[in-house]
Every structure is written in C-alpha cells, then in structure tokens.
Amino acid sequence: MEKYVAITGGIGSGKTLALGIIKKAGYKVFSADEVYRDMLRDADFVKKVCSETGVPPIYEGDRLAIDRKAISALVFSDGEFLKKLNSVTHPEIMMKMRSLAEKESGVVFAEVPLLFEGGFEDGFDFVIVLSRDEKARVKSAALRDGKREEDVEAVAKSQYDYGKLRPTDKITVINNDGDEKALAEKILSVAKSIGETA
C-alpha cells in the first residue's frame, strides 16, 4: 500500500456511492461497515463487545451473536451508551481495516463514517470529505433506511460538523451537489491526483 485514503462525510452525504464509483474504476476499497459486519462473525469480538457494553450475547443458530435489537434500542435512547459502543468497536474496526489494506498495493480507499468523531484521521495519508446540503442528506438517508426524516435529522445534527472543514494538503472537500455522473467526475479526478503523488 502506497497511499491510504479515507472517504468520510455526514449521514446521507454519498460515501457508499463514492466508494462504489472508486471500486468500479479499479481501485481497492474497504468499508468500515462491511468490516464490522465480518468481525461480528468472530466470537471473541462479540464477547468483548458484549462484556464492555453490558449487553448479553445471544445465539443465532449455533453462533454467538450481538443482540442487535437490544443494542439499537439503547443507542437511540442513551447517548452515553453509543459513545461506549463506539469506543469499543471503532478502534478494533480501524485496526482490522488497516491490516487488510496493508496487504494491498497502490492507493487504497476506505469508507469511514465516523472518522473525525473517533479521531482516526491521522491514520490516513489523505482524507476525502463529501459535503452535501443537509436537507438533501436527510431526505436521501431517510429514503434509504426507511426512517422518518425527523429521526435522520436528529442523527445529522449530532454528528461532526463537516461544514467547518476546509481543504488542506491532506483534506479534499468534494461538494456532492449534483448527480452521480458529476460526483464520479469529481472523485475520480481526486483519486487520480492522489495516485500521481504515490
């Protein structure tokens, strides 16, 4: 791996779409959410999460699993619980994703939803931040997740304020204010320029 690049942004900003565009262009990509789903198949990881959050594990068939319903209920009702869950899971996810990325060559991209919230930005050579109008983000995420716009708006307001970020040598801000074609042109241009610095 020559360069490790994070893609981040608020809920509904287009992170997954951007990662798909980059993957289709032939770059190696990882998603924190997908890595987390894979890690949930590891009994030791499940035990650690359950032990440190106080939510008893359950069995799905013969496999030990996290009680997702119980955790979801606690996440929505208790902000401190979410912080505790994130403090347990996020460092593990980032380490796992990094170990997978290091087996690759060239420029590797990773979708990281809570990059700045977790303070993980220093683990990357470059950061691409997707910026999008809040109303558009809320509407998109509500439609995608089958949730009420008010609930998504509450999540959006609790997240890191990506609007305060300004471009630097390390951070590129992409305004995702058009269609998929426009986003593809912007993000592939950035990917190409990063590759040229490798």
C-alpha atoms as a PDB file:
ATOM      1  CA  MET A   1       0.000   0.000   0.000  1.00  0.00           C
ATOM      2  CA  GLU A   2       1.478   3.325  -1.057  1.00  0.00           C
ATOM      3  CA  LYS A   3      -1.354   5.635  -0.010  1.00  0.00           C
ATOM      4  CA  TYR A   4      -4.235   5.098   2.399  1.00  0.00           C
ATOM      5  CA  VAL A   5      -7.214   7.370   1.748  1.00  0.00           C
ATOM      6  CA  ALA A   6     -10.313   7.859   3.906  1.00  0.00           C
ATOM      7  CA  ILE A   7     -13.698   8.803   2.475  1.00  0.00           C
ATOM      8  CA  THR A   8     -15.988  10.388   5.028  1.00  0.00           C
ATOM      9  CA  GLY A   9     -18.888  12.778   5.487  1.00  0.00           C
ATOM     10  CA  GLY A  10     -22.162  13.132   7.327  1.00  0.00           C
ATOM     11  CA  ILE A  11     -25.137  10.798   7.058  1.00  0.00           C
ATOM     12  CA  GLY A  12     -26.563  10.776   3.529  1.00  0.00           C
ATOM     13  CA  SER A  13     -23.576  12.585   2.014  1.00  0.00           C
ATOM     14  CA  GLY A  14     -22.898   9.859  -0.567  1.00  0.00           C
ATOM     15  CA  LYS A  15     -19.985   7.931   0.965  1.00  0.00           C
ATOM     16  CA  THR A  16     -21.142   4.499  -0.186  1.00  0.00           C
ATOM     17  CA  LEU A  17     -21.895   5.761  -3.687  1.00  0.00           C
ATOM     18  CA  ALA A  18     -18.476   7.381  -3.884  1.00  0.00           C
ATOM     19  CA  LEU A  19     -16.774   4.176  -2.730  1.00  0.00           C
ATOM     20  CA  GLY A  20     -18.684   2.221  -5.384  1.00  0.00           C
ATOM     21  CA  ILE A  21     -17.539   4.635  -8.092  1.00  0.00           C
ATOM     22  CA  ILE A  22     -13.922   4.283  -6.995  1.00  0.00           C
ATOM     23  CA  LYS A  23     -14.179   0.491  -6.812  1.00  0.00           C
ATOM     24  CA  LYS A  24     -15.668   0.344 -10.311  1.00  0.00           C
ATOM     25  CA  ALA A  25     -12.697   2.372 -11.554  1.00  0.00           C
ATOM     26  CA  GLY A  26     -10.396  -0.418 -10.365  1.00  0.00           C
ATOM     27  CA  TYR A  27      -9.128   0.854  -7.029  1.00  0.00           C
ATOM     28  CA  LYS A  28      -9.019  -1.346  -3.933  1.00  0.00           C
ATOM     29  CA  VAL A  29     -11.634  -0.275  -1.393  1.00  0.00           C
ATOM     30  CA  PHE A  30     -12.775  -1.172   2.110  1.00  0.00           C
ATOM     31  CA  SER A  31     -15.856  -0.176   4.062  1.00  0.00           C
ATOM     32  CA  ALA A  32     -15.797   0.186   7.855  1.00  0.00           C
ATOM     33  CA  ASP A  33     -19.404  -1.018   7.989  1.00  0.00           C
ATOM     34  CA  GLU A  34     -18.620  -4.149   5.948  1.00  0.00           C
ATOM     35  CA  VAL A  35     -15.512  -4.908   8.004  1.00  0.00           C
ATOM     36  CA  TYR A  36     -17.625  -4.553  11.167  1.00  0.00           C
ATOM     37  CA  ARG A  37     -20.213  -6.999   9.812  1.00  0.00           C
ATOM     38  CA  ASP A  38     -17.437  -9.513   9.119  1.00  0.00           C
ATOM     39  CA  MET A  39     -15.994  -9.012  12.597  1.00  0.00           C
ATOM     40  CA  LEU A  40     -19.379  -9.804  14.149  1.00  0.00           C
ATOM     41  CA  ARG A  41     -18.844 -13.398  12.967  1.00  0.00           C
ATOM     42  CA  ASP A  42     -15.852 -13.623  15.330  1.00  0.00           C
ATOM     43  CA  ALA A  43     -16.985 -14.999  18.707  1.00  0.00           C
ATOM     44  CA  ASP A  44     -14.097 -13.357  20.578  1.00  0.00           C
ATOM     45  CA  PHE A  45     -15.000  -9.931  19.194  1.00  0.00           C
ATOM     46  CA  VAL A  46     -18.679 -10.492  20.050  1.00  0.00           C
ATOM     47  CA  LYS A  47     -17.731 -11.459  23.617  1.00  0.00           C
ATOM     48  CA  LYS A  48     -15.583  -8.360  24.011  1.00  0.00           C
ATOM     49  CA  VAL A  49     -18.303  -6.005  22.754  1.00  0.00           C
ATOM     50  CA  CYS A  50     -20.941  -7.640  24.944  1.00  0.00           C
ATOM     51  CA  SER A  51     -18.720  -7.663  28.005  1.00  0.00           C
ATOM     52  CA  GLU A  52     -17.739  -3.998  27.709  1.00  0.00           C
ATOM     53  CA  THR A  53     -21.228  -2.712  26.849  1.00  0.00           C
ATOM     54  CA  GLY A  54     -23.098  -4.906  29.320  1.00  0.00           C
ATOM     55  CA  VAL A  55     -25.462  -6.304  26.670  1.00  0.00           C
ATOM     56  CA  PRO A  56     -25.630 -10.113  26.930  1.00  0.00           C
ATOM     57  CA  PRO A  57     -24.882 -12.022  23.711  1.00  0.00           C
ATOM     58  CA  ILE A  58     -27.483 -14.209  22.026  1.00  0.00           C
ATOM     59  CA  TYR A  59     -27.251 -17.268  19.806  1.00  0.00           C
ATOM     60  CA  GLU A  60     -28.195 -17.238  16.139  1.00  0.00           C
ATOM     61  CA  GLY A  61     -28.293 -20.953  15.397  1.00  0.00           C
ATOM     62  CA  ASP A  62     -25.066 -22.230  16.921  1.00  0.00           C
ATOM     63  CA  ARG A  63     -23.213 -18.929  16.512  1.00  0.00           C
ATOM     64  CA  LEU A  64     -22.688 -16.412  19.302  1.00  0.00           C
ATOM     65  CA  ALA A  65     -24.011 -13.016  18.218  1.00  0.00           C
ATOM     66  CA  ILE A  66     -24.620  -9.477  19.387  1.00  0.00           C
ATOM     67  CA  ASP A  67     -28.219  -8.716  20.328  1.00  0.00           C
ATOM     68  CA  ARG A  68     -28.700  -6.052  17.643  1.00  0.00           C
ATOM     69  CA  LYS A  69     -32.248  -5.190  18.709  1.00  0.00           C
ATOM     70  CA  ALA A  70     -31.170  -4.539  22.288  1.00  0.00           C
ATOM     71  CA  ILE A  71     -28.177  -2.503  21.183  1.00  0.00           C
ATOM     72  CA  SER A  72     -30.238  -0.458  18.687  1.00  0.00           C
ATOM     73  CA  ALA A  73     -32.766   0.358  21.398  1.00  0.00           C
ATOM     74  CA  LEU A  74     -30.006   1.524  23.737  1.00  0.00           C
ATOM     75  CA  VAL A  75     -28.298   3.556  21.002  1.00  0.00           C
ATOM     76  CA  PHE A  76     -31.481   5.513  20.303  1.00  0.00           C
ATOM     77  CA  SER A  77     -32.345   6.053  23.963  1.00  0.00           C
ATOM     78  CA  ASP A  78     -28.941   6.622  25.544  1.00  0.00           C
ATOM     79  CA  GLY A  79     -26.280   8.861  24.006  1.00  0.00           C
ATOM     80  CA  GLU A  80     -23.693   7.697  26.525  1.00  0.00           C
ATOM     81  CA  PHE A  81     -24.243   4.087  25.501  1.00  0.00           C
ATOM     82  CA  LEU A  82     -23.489   4.984  21.872  1.00  0.00           C
ATOM     83  CA  LYS A  83     -20.217   6.588  22.958  1.00  0.00           C
ATOM     84  CA  LYS A  84     -19.323   3.456  24.917  1.00  0.00           C
ATOM     85  CA  LEU A  85     -20.185   1.175  21.977  1.00  0.00           C
ATOM     86  CA  ASN A  86     -18.137   3.296  19.582  1.00  0.00           C
ATOM     87  CA  SER A  87     -15.161   3.365  21.962  1.00  0.00           C
ATOM     88  CA  VAL A  88     -15.153  -0.444  21.979  1.00  0.00           C
ATOM     89  CA  THR A  89     -15.841  -1.169  18.321  1.00  0.00           C
ATOM     90  CA  HIS A  90     -14.237   1.635  16.325  1.00  0.00           C
ATOM     91  CA  PRO A  91     -10.571   1.154  17.283  1.00  0.00           C
ATOM     92  CA  GLU A  92     -10.926  -2.583  16.545  1.00  0.00           C
ATOM     93  CA  ILE A  93     -12.561  -1.887  13.165  1.00  0.00           C
ATOM     94  CA  MET A  94      -9.861   0.612  12.209  1.00  0.00           C
ATOM     95  CA  MET A  95      -7.059  -1.814  13.142  1.00  0.00           C
ATOM     96  CA  LYS A  96      -8.675  -4.620  11.162  1.00  0.00           C
ATOM     97  CA  MET A  97      -9.243  -2.425   8.125  1.00  0.00           C
ATOM     98  CA  ARG A  98      -5.676  -1.162   8.268  1.00  0.00           C
ATOM     99  CA  SER A  99      -4.291  -4.707   8.416  1.00  0.00           C
ATOM    100  CA  LEU A 100      -6.355  -5.644   5.350  1.00  0.00           C
ATOM    101  CA  ALA A 101      -5.278  -2.511   3.473  1.00  0.00           C
ATOM    102  CA  GLU A 102      -1.600  -3.142   4.167  1.00  0.00           C
ATOM    103  CA  LYS A 103      -1.819  -6.369   2.166  1.00  0.00           C
ATOM    104  CA  GLU A 104      -2.728  -4.351  -0.938  1.00  0.00           C
ATOM    105  CA  SER A 105      -0.558  -2.320  -3.294  1.00  0.00           C
ATOM    106  CA  GLY A 106      -1.093   1.132  -4.737  1.00  0.00           C
ATOM    107  CA  VAL A 107      -3.741   3.560  -3.490  1.00  0.00           C
ATOM    108  CA  VAL A 108      -6.308   2.058  -1.114  1.00  0.00           C
ATOM    109  CA  PHE A 109      -9.574   3.790  -0.177  1.00  0.00           C
ATOM    110  CA  ALA A 110     -11.621   3.245   2.976  1.00  0.00           C
ATOM    111  CA  GLU A 111     -15.124   4.477   3.745  1.00  0.00           C
ATOM    112  CA  VAL A 112     -15.067   5.648   7.367  1.00  0.00           C
ATOM    113  CA  PRO A 113     -18.366   7.166   8.602  1.00  0.00           C
ATOM    114  CA  LEU A 114     -17.059   8.491  11.951  1.00  0.00           C
ATOM    115  CA  LEU A 115     -13.504   9.413  11.009  1.00  0.00           C
ATOM    116  CA  PHE A 116     -13.245  12.755  12.809  1.00  0.00           C
ATOM    117  CA  GLU A 117     -15.568  11.802  15.668  1.00  0.00           C
ATOM    118  CA  GLY A 118     -13.202   8.953  16.519  1.00  0.00           C
ATOM    119  CA  GLY A 119     -10.025  10.955  15.906  1.00  0.00           C
ATOM    120  CA  PHE A 120      -8.810   8.459  13.283  1.00  0.00           C
ATOM    121  CA  GLU A 121      -7.840  10.950  10.573  1.00  0.00           C
ATOM    122  CA  ASP A 122      -4.121  10.737  11.426  1.00  0.00           C
ATOM    123  CA  GLY A 123      -4.112   7.100  10.312  1.00  0.00           C
ATOM    124  CA  PHE A 124      -4.610   8.146   6.691  1.00  0.00           C
ATOM    125  CA  ASP A 125      -2.418   9.840   4.113  1.00  0.00           C
ATOM    126  CA  PHE A 126      -5.352  11.717   2.591  1.00  0.00           C
ATOM    127  CA  VAL A 127      -8.980  12.386   3.522  1.00  0.00           C
ATOM    128  CA  ILE A 128     -11.833  12.985   1.075  1.00  0.00           C
ATOM    129  CA  VAL A 129     -14.795  14.705   2.731  1.00  0.00           C
ATOM    130  CA  LEU A 130     -18.145  14.620   0.969  1.00  0.00           C
ATOM    131  CA  SER A 131     -20.206  17.742   1.548  1.00  0.00           C
ATOM    132  CA  ARG A 132     -23.908  17.933   0.739  1.00  0.00           C
ATOM    133  CA  ASP A 133     -26.842  20.163   1.623  1.00  0.00           C
ATOM    134  CA  GLU A 134     -28.341  18.951   4.925  1.00  0.00           C
ATOM    135  CA  LYS A 135     -31.901  18.753   3.614  1.00  0.00           C
ATOM    136  CA  ALA A 136     -30.748  16.595   0.698  1.00  0.00           C
ATOM    137  CA  ARG A 137     -28.731  14.392   3.058  1.00  0.00           C
ATOM    138  CA  VAL A 138     -31.650  13.886   5.428  1.00  0.00           C
ATOM    139  CA  LYS A 139     -34.091  13.100   2.633  1.00  0.00           C
ATOM    140  CA  SER A 140     -31.679  10.644   0.991  1.00  0.00           C
ATOM    141  CA  ALA A 141     -30.824   8.801   4.220  1.00  0.00           C
ATOM    142  CA  ALA A 142     -34.476   8.601   5.314  1.00  0.00           C
ATOM    143  CA  LEU A 143     -35.447   7.075   1.974  1.00  0.00           C
ATOM    144  CA  ARG A 144     -32.507   4.662   2.065  1.00  0.00           C
ATOM    145  CA  ASP A 145     -33.074   3.483   5.646  1.00  0.00           C
ATOM    146  CA  GLY A 146     -36.864   3.635   5.737  1.00  0.00           C
ATOM    147  CA  LYS A 147     -36.780   6.110   8.639  1.00  0.00           C
ATOM    148  CA  ARG A 148     -38.605   9.332   9.428  1.00  0.00           C
ATOM    149  CA  GLU A 149     -36.816  12.469   8.278  1.00  0.00           C
ATOM    150  CA  GLU A 150     -37.040  13.881  11.826  1.00  0.00           C
ATOM    151  CA  ASP A 151     -35.066  10.904  13.164  1.00  0.00           C
ATOM    152  CA  VAL A 152     -32.391  11.208  10.493  1.00  0.00           C
ATOM    153  CA  GLU A 153     -32.178  14.954  11.085  1.00  0.00           C
ATOM    154  CA  ALA A 154     -31.502  14.313  14.782  1.00  0.00           C
ATOM    155  CA  VAL A 155     -28.637  11.975  13.826  1.00  0.00           C
ATOM    156  CA  ALA A 156     -27.262  14.536  11.364  1.00  0.00           C
ATOM    157  CA  LYS A 157     -27.241  17.282  13.984  1.00  0.00           C
ATOM    158  CA  SER A 158     -25.421  15.046  16.481  1.00  0.00           C
ATOM    159  CA  GLN A 159     -22.599  14.310  14.039  1.00  0.00           C
ATOM    160  CA  TYR A 160     -19.324  16.110  13.486  1.00  0.00           C
ATOM    161  CA  ASP A 161     -19.730  19.488  11.792  1.00  0.00           C
ATOM    162  CA  TYR A 162     -18.183  18.698   8.413  1.00  0.00           C
ATOM    163  CA  GLY A 163     -19.118  22.163   7.200  1.00  0.00           C
ATOM    164  CA  LYS A 164     -16.282  23.644   9.238  1.00  0.00           C
ATOM    165  CA  LEU A 165     -13.638  21.605   7.426  1.00  0.00           C
ATOM    166  CA  ARG A 166     -11.511  23.435   4.902  1.00  0.00           C
ATOM    167  CA  PRO A 167      -9.246  21.934   2.225  1.00  0.00           C
ATOM    168  CA  THR A 168      -5.614  21.354   3.195  1.00  0.00           C
ATOM    169  CA  ASP A 169      -2.727  19.407   1.682  1.00  0.00           C
ATOM    170  CA  LYS A 170      -4.276  16.328   3.284  1.00  0.00           C
ATOM    171  CA  ILE A 171      -8.027  17.075   3.171  1.00  0.00           C
ATOM    172  CA  THR A 172     -10.061  17.431  -0.028  1.00  0.00           C
ATOM    173  CA  VAL A 173     -13.674  18.573   0.245  1.00  0.00           C
ATOM    174  CA  ILE A 174     -15.999  17.456  -2.564  1.00  0.00           C
ATOM    175  CA  ASN A 175     -19.397  19.084  -2.913  1.00  0.00           C
ATOM    176  CA  ASN A 176     -21.818  16.295  -3.794  1.00  0.00           C
ATOM    177  CA  ASP A 177     -24.426  18.702  -5.105  1.00  0.00           C
ATOM    178  CA  GLY A 178     -25.128  17.135  -8.488  1.00  0.00           C
ATOM    179  CA  ASP A 179     -25.934  13.745  -9.961  1.00  0.00           C
ATOM    180  CA  GLU A 180     -23.903  10.525  -9.881  1.00  0.00           C
ATOM    181  CA  LYS A 181     -22.025  11.450 -13.044  1.00  0.00           C
ATOM    182  CA  ALA A 182     -20.913  14.747 -11.532  1.00  0.00           C
ATOM    183  CA  LEU A 183     -19.765  13.009  -8.346  1.00  0.00           C
ATOM    184  CA  ALA A 184     -17.868  10.413 -10.375  1.00  0.00           C
ATOM    185  CA  GLU A 185     -16.002  13.095 -12.299  1.00  0.00           C
ATOM    186  CA  LYS A 186     -15.008  14.899  -9.116  1.00  0.00           C
ATOM    187  CA  ILE A 187     -13.962  11.916  -7.048  1.00  0.00           C
ATOM    188  CA  LEU A 188     -12.080  10.135  -9.831  1.00  0.00           C
ATOM    189  CA  SER A 189     -10.174  13.338 -10.531  1.00  0.00           C
ATOM    190  CA  VAL A 190      -9.124  13.461  -6.869  1.00  0.00           C
ATOM    191  CA  ALA A 191      -8.266   9.737  -6.877  1.00  0.00           C
ATOM    192  CA  LYS A 192      -6.090  10.213  -9.953  1.00  0.00           C
ATOM    193  CA  SER A 193      -4.239  13.157  -8.401  1.00  0.00           C
ATOM    194  CA  ILE A 194      -3.588  11.150  -5.216  1.00  0.00           C
ATOM    195  CA  GLY A 195      -2.296   8.252  -7.307  1.00  0.00           C
ATOM    196  CA  GLU A 196       0.093  10.595  -9.101  1.00  0.00           C
ATOM    197  CA  THR A 197       1.639  11.613  -5.763  1.00  0.00           C
ATOM    198  CA  ALA A 198       2.234   7.969  -4.765  1.00  0.00           C
END
